[in-house]
C-alpha cells in the first residue's frame, strides 16, 4: 500500500537540527491510525526494542515505569508473564516467540546458568527475530545495526582487554567473523562496507562526536535504502527511525554521555570473563 497523503505531510528532516521533528508519541498516534494491519506489524517490530527494555525493567520491579513507545503496557506484561508461568505453550498474539524463548531460558536454572548476560541474550534473540522479517528493508536495518553494535563492542573489548568472543551478539556472518579474527579490521573488508569508517569513529576521544558520527552512518543508510521508495511503508518506517535518531539527542550531553560509556564498560567487565 502507498501512503501518499501521510508521506506528503512529513516535514523535511535534517541530521544536524531538531527543527520540525514531531514528538514520538504524536507520530505513533498518527501512524497507528493510518497504517494497515500488516504494515503496523512492521512498525511494531521496530518498537519492540522498547518492549525489551520494559521487560527487563518489569522483571526487576513490577512497578517500574515503562517506556510508552513500546507495544506492551504493564497490564500486558502482567498477563503475559502469568501465561508463560502457567502454560507450556501459551498462545497470545501479543507474545512474540523470542520473548517466550528468552523467558523460558532465564526461568530454567540449568539454562540460566549458562547465560552470562540477560541483556545480551534478549538482544541476540531480538536481532535474530528482526533479521528474519519478510520485509527486506526491516531485515536489512536490523542486520546493519547488529553489525555496527558488534563492531563497536569488539573495538571496545580490544582496547580494554576484554574477551571479544563472549561479548558479540548474534550469529550472522559479521558476528562469526569478528569472533574468529585478530586483524585490524576483523577481516570485515568486503563483508561490511563501513568497517573502516566505524574504526575511525571509535578512535575519536569525544564521545558525543562519536555517537553523532554513528548516527550519521545510520541516517545515510536510511536515505540510501529508501531513495526509490517514495510513498511506501519503507519510506514511512525510515521517517519514524530518523525521528527516533533525532530525539535521542534531546537530553544527551557530554556529561551523561560519559556516564553511559562508563556504565557500558562496567557491564562488559561483569558480563565478559577476562
Protein backbone atom coordinates (compact mmCIF):
# COMPACT_ATOMS: atom_id res chain seq x y z
CA UNK A 1 0.00 0.00 0.00
CA UNK A 2 1.17 3.53 -0.76
CA UNK A 3 0.74 6.32 1.78
CA UNK A 4 0.57 9.41 -0.44
CA UNK A 5 -1.10 11.82 1.98
CA UNK A 6 0.86 10.62 5.00
CA UNK A 7 4.29 10.92 3.38
CA UNK A 8 3.41 14.22 1.69
CA UNK A 9 2.68 15.64 5.12
CA UNK A 10 6.03 14.64 6.61
CA UNK A 11 8.29 17.64 7.34
CA UNK A 12 11.81 17.71 5.94
CA UNK A 13 14.28 16.36 8.48
CA UNK A 14 17.98 17.11 8.72
CA UNK A 15 20.51 15.23 10.80
CA UNK A 16 22.01 18.36 12.36
CA UNK A 17 18.80 20.00 13.56
CA UNK A 18 15.74 19.02 15.55
CA UNK A 19 13.53 21.66 13.94
CA UNK A 20 10.12 20.37 12.81
CA UNK A 21 10.67 16.93 14.34
CA UNK A 22 7.32 15.56 15.54
CA UNK A 23 7.06 14.19 19.05
CA UNK A 24 7.33 10.40 19.05
CA UNK A 25 4.03 9.84 20.85
CA UNK A 26 2.17 12.10 18.40
CA UNK A 27 3.84 10.44 15.43
CA UNK A 28 2.93 6.98 16.72
CA UNK A 29 -0.67 8.06 17.21
CA UNK A 30 -0.84 9.22 13.60
CA UNK A 31 0.82 6.09 12.25
CA UNK A 32 -1.37 3.77 14.30
CA UNK A 33 -4.44 5.47 12.81
CA UNK A 34 -3.16 5.24 9.24
CA UNK A 35 -1.12 2.08 8.65
CA UNK A 36 -2.65 -1.19 7.54
CA UNK A 37 -2.53 -4.12 9.96
CA UNK A 38 0.32 -5.71 8.00
CA UNK A 39 2.38 -2.52 7.92
CA UNK A 40 1.63 -1.76 11.57
CA UNK A 41 3.24 -5.09 12.43
CA UNK A 42 6.47 -3.88 10.82
CA UNK A 43 6.41 -0.67 12.84
CA UNK A 44 5.71 -2.65 16.00
CA UNK A 45 8.72 -4.86 15.27
CA UNK A 46 10.90 -1.73 15.40
CA UNK A 47 9.16 -0.61 18.60
CA UNK A 48 9.92 -3.91 20.34
CA UNK A 49 13.34 -2.59 21.34
CA UNK A 50 11.40 -0.62 23.96
CA UNK A 51 9.43 -3.73 24.91
CA UNK A 52 12.74 -5.47 25.59
CA UNK A 53 13.88 -2.72 27.93
CA UNK A 54 10.45 -2.65 29.54
CA UNK A 55 10.54 -6.41 30.11
CA UNK A 56 13.91 -6.21 31.84
CA UNK A 57 12.64 -3.34 33.98
CA UNK A 58 9.40 -5.18 34.76
CA UNK A 59 11.19 -8.36 35.81
CA UNK A 60 13.37 -6.32 38.14
CA UNK A 61 10.43 -4.36 39.52
CA UNK A 62 6.78 -4.93 38.58
CA UNK A 63 6.02 -1.33 39.49
CA UNK A 64 8.72 0.10 37.23
CA UNK A 65 7.79 2.94 34.91
CA UNK A 66 7.68 1.58 31.37
CA UNK A 67 8.57 3.40 28.18
CA UNK A 68 5.29 4.24 26.38
CA UNK A 69 6.97 3.81 22.96
CA UNK A 70 6.81 0.05 23.48
CA UNK A 71 3.88 -2.00 22.22
CA UNK A 72 3.01 -3.56 25.59
CA UNK A 73 1.64 -1.96 28.75
CA UNK A 74 2.23 -3.02 32.33
CA UNK A 75 -1.13 -4.86 32.24
CA UNK A 76 0.01 -6.70 29.11
CA UNK A 77 3.19 -7.82 30.86
CA UNK A 78 1.21 -8.90 33.94
CA UNK A 79 -0.96 -11.11 31.75
CA UNK A 80 1.83 -12.45 29.55
CA UNK A 81 4.10 -13.37 32.45
CA UNK A 82 1.18 -15.19 34.07
CA UNK A 83 0.51 -17.06 30.82
CA UNK A 84 4.15 -18.09 30.46
CA UNK A 85 4.23 -19.29 34.06
CA UNK A 86 1.03 -21.30 33.80
CA UNK A 87 1.17 -22.77 30.28
CA UNK A 88 3.85 -24.76 28.47
CA UNK A 89 2.81 -23.39 25.08
CA UNK A 90 0.92 -20.14 25.63
CA UNK A 91 -0.81 -18.67 22.61
CA UNK A 92 -1.34 -14.94 22.56
CA UNK A 93 -0.84 -12.58 19.63
CA UNK A 94 0.96 -10.16 21.93
CA UNK A 95 3.57 -12.76 22.86
CA UNK A 96 6.46 -12.84 20.39
CA UNK A 97 8.33 -16.15 20.09
CA UNK A 98 11.67 -14.60 21.01
CA UNK A 99 10.17 -13.26 24.26
CA UNK A 100 8.87 -16.72 25.15
CA UNK A 101 12.26 -18.28 24.38
CA UNK A 102 14.01 -15.67 26.50
CA UNK A 103 11.66 -16.16 29.45
CA UNK A 104 11.92 -19.94 29.26
CA UNK A 105 15.72 -19.70 29.24
CA UNK A 106 16.10 -17.38 32.23
CA UNK A 107 13.45 -19.31 34.18
CA UNK A 108 15.28 -22.61 33.82
CA UNK A 109 18.12 -22.96 36.35
CA UNK A 110 20.28 -25.14 34.11
CA UNK A 111 19.83 -22.92 31.06
CA UNK A 112 20.14 -19.69 33.05
CA UNK A 113 23.46 -20.88 34.49
CA UNK A 114 24.97 -20.63 31.00
CA UNK A 115 23.72 -17.08 30.42
CA UNK A 116 26.49 -14.52 31.02
CA UNK A 117 24.24 -11.54 30.28
CA UNK A 118 20.45 -11.50 30.24
CA UNK A 119 20.51 -8.26 28.26
CA UNK A 120 22.76 -9.77 25.59
CA UNK A 121 20.61 -12.89 25.39
CA UNK A 122 17.49 -10.82 24.84
CA UNK A 123 19.28 -8.68 22.25
CA UNK A 124 20.52 -11.76 20.41
CA UNK A 125 17.03 -13.24 20.21
CA UNK A 126 15.51 -9.91 19.18
CA UNK A 127 18.04 -9.22 16.43
CA UNK A 128 17.67 -12.76 15.12
CA UNK A 129 13.90 -12.30 15.07
CA UNK A 130 14.20 -8.95 13.29
CA UNK A 131 16.66 -10.12 10.65
CA UNK A 132 14.17 -12.80 9.62
CA UNK A 133 11.47 -10.25 8.82
CA UNK A 134 9.85 -10.86 5.44
CA UNK A 135 10.26 -7.15 4.70
CA UNK A 136 13.77 -6.73 3.24
CA UNK A 137 14.17 -3.14 4.42
CA UNK A 138 13.36 -4.08 8.02
CA UNK A 139 15.52 -7.21 7.95
CA UNK A 140 18.47 -5.28 6.50
CA UNK A 141 18.05 -2.48 9.05
CA UNK A 142 18.25 -4.97 11.90
CA UNK A 143 21.37 -6.57 10.46
CA UNK A 144 23.02 -3.19 9.82
CA UNK A 145 22.51 -2.14 13.45
CA UNK A 146 23.60 -5.54 14.74
CA UNK A 147 26.83 -5.26 12.74
CA UNK A 148 27.56 -1.73 13.95
CA UNK A 149 26.94 -2.64 17.58
CA UNK A 150 29.07 -5.77 17.36
CA UNK A 151 31.96 -3.96 15.72
CA UNK A 152 31.91 -1.16 18.30
CA UNK A 153 31.73 -3.74 21.09
CA UNK A 154 34.67 -5.66 19.63
CA UNK A 155 36.75 -2.49 19.35
CA UNK A 156 35.96 -1.56 22.97
CA UNK A 157 36.87 -5.07 24.13
CA UNK A 158 40.15 -4.95 22.21
CA UNK A 159 41.03 -1.55 23.70
CA UNK A 160 40.24 -2.54 27.28
CA UNK A 161 41.46 -6.13 27.19
CA UNK A 162 38.12 -7.94 27.39
CA UNK A 163 37.25 -11.25 25.75
CA UNK A 164 35.69 -10.35 22.40
CA UNK A 165 34.07 -13.72 21.68
CA UNK A 166 31.71 -13.60 24.64
CA UNK A 167 30.66 -10.00 24.05
CA UNK A 168 29.49 -10.40 20.45
CA UNK A 169 25.74 -10.72 19.87
CA UNK A 170 24.10 -12.86 17.19
CA UNK A 171 25.35 -15.43 14.71
CA UNK A 172 25.40 -13.76 11.31
CA UNK A 173 28.48 -13.65 9.07
CA UNK A 174 29.85 -10.45 10.60
CA UNK A 175 29.44 -11.73 14.17
CA UNK A 176 31.15 -15.04 13.34
CA UNK A 177 33.99 -13.26 11.53
CA UNK A 178 34.64 -10.89 14.43
CA UNK A 179 34.81 -13.78 16.88
CA UNK A 180 37.49 -15.57 14.86
CA UNK A 181 39.73 -12.69 13.74
CA UNK A 182 42.54 -10.73 15.35
CA UNK A 183 43.28 -8.43 12.40
CA UNK A 184 42.90 -4.64 12.48
CA UNK A 185 39.54 -4.74 10.68
CA UNK A 186 38.47 -8.18 11.93
CA UNK A 187 38.62 -9.37 8.28
CA UNK A 188 35.42 -7.44 7.58
CA UNK A 189 36.63 -5.64 4.46
CA UNK A 190 34.40 -6.83 1.65
CA UNK A 191 31.84 -8.14 4.15
CA UNK A 192 30.76 -5.00 5.98
CA UNK A 193 31.37 -1.85 3.94
CA UNK A 194 31.55 0.82 6.70
CA UNK A 195 34.12 -1.11 8.79
CA UNK A 196 36.96 1.40 8.29
CA UNK A 197 34.69 4.37 8.94
CA UNK A 198 33.49 2.81 12.19
CA UNK A 199 37.05 2.01 13.30
CA UNK A 200 37.98 5.64 12.68
CA UNK A 201 34.92 6.85 14.59
CA UNK A 202 35.77 4.62 17.56
CA UNK A 203 39.18 6.31 17.87
CA UNK A 204 37.65 9.75 18.40
CA UNK A 205 38.06 10.64 22.11
CA UNK A 206 34.99 12.90 22.02
CA UNK A 207 32.06 10.67 22.99
CA UNK A 208 29.33 12.93 21.63
CA UNK A 209 31.10 13.30 18.30
CA UNK A 210 31.44 9.55 18.10
CA UNK A 211 27.74 8.99 18.78
CA UNK A 212 26.74 11.61 16.23
CA UNK A 213 29.06 10.08 13.63
CA UNK A 214 27.43 6.68 14.13
CA UNK A 215 24.00 8.27 13.81
CA UNK A 216 25.18 9.89 10.58
CA UNK A 217 26.01 6.44 9.22
CA UNK A 218 22.54 5.21 10.15
CA UNK A 219 20.89 8.32 8.70
CA UNK A 220 22.71 7.88 5.39
CA UNK A 221 21.81 4.19 5.32
CA UNK A 222 18.13 5.06 5.71
CA UNK A 223 18.31 7.58 2.89
CA UNK A 224 20.15 5.20 0.56
CA UNK A 225 17.77 2.32 1.20
CA UNK A 226 14.60 4.35 0.64
CA UNK A 227 15.78 6.53 -2.25
CA UNK A 228 13.36 4.93 -4.70
CA UNK A 229 10.61 4.26 -2.14
CA UNK A 230 8.50 7.37 -2.46
CA UNK A 231 5.24 6.61 -0.66
CA UNK A 232 5.77 3.06 0.58
CA UNK A 233 5.83 1.64 4.09
CA UNK A 234 9.61 1.67 3.85
CA UNK A 235 9.59 5.45 3.48
CA UNK A 236 7.23 5.72 6.47
CA UNK A 237 9.40 3.48 8.64
CA UNK A 238 12.54 5.38 7.63
CA UNK A 239 10.88 8.65 8.70
CA UNK A 240 9.97 7.10 12.06
CA UNK A 241 13.54 5.88 12.53
CA UNK A 242 15.01 9.26 11.61
CA UNK A 243 12.74 10.95 14.17
CA UNK A 244 13.93 8.40 16.70
CA UNK A 245 17.56 9.21 15.93
CA UNK A 246 16.96 12.94 16.32
CA UNK A 247 15.05 12.59 19.59
CA UNK A 248 17.89 10.55 21.03
CA UNK A 249 19.78 13.83 21.35
CA UNK A 250 17.08 15.63 23.32
CA UNK A 251 18.74 15.04 26.68
CA UNK A 252 22.17 13.78 25.71
CA UNK A 253 25.05 15.88 26.99
CA UNK A 254 28.76 15.20 27.24
CA UNK A 255 28.39 14.55 30.96
CA UNK A 256 25.68 11.89 30.74
CA UNK A 257 27.30 10.52 27.61
CA UNK A 258 30.43 9.80 29.64
CA UNK A 259 28.29 8.25 32.37
CA UNK A 260 26.66 5.95 29.82
CA UNK A 261 30.07 4.96 28.45
CA UNK A 262 31.37 4.17 31.94
CA UNK A 263 28.29 2.03 32.57
CA UNK A 264 28.86 0.14 29.33
CA UNK A 265 32.40 -0.65 30.41
CA UNK A 266 31.18 -1.84 33.81
CA UNK A 267 28.66 -4.10 32.09
CA UNK A 268 31.38 -5.54 29.89
CA UNK A 269 33.50 -6.28 32.96
CA UNK A 270 30.59 -8.07 34.61
CA UNK A 271 29.44 -9.99 31.56
CA UNK A 272 32.75 -10.95 29.98
CA UNK A 273 35.25 -13.31 31.55
CA UNK A 274 38.75 -11.88 31.27
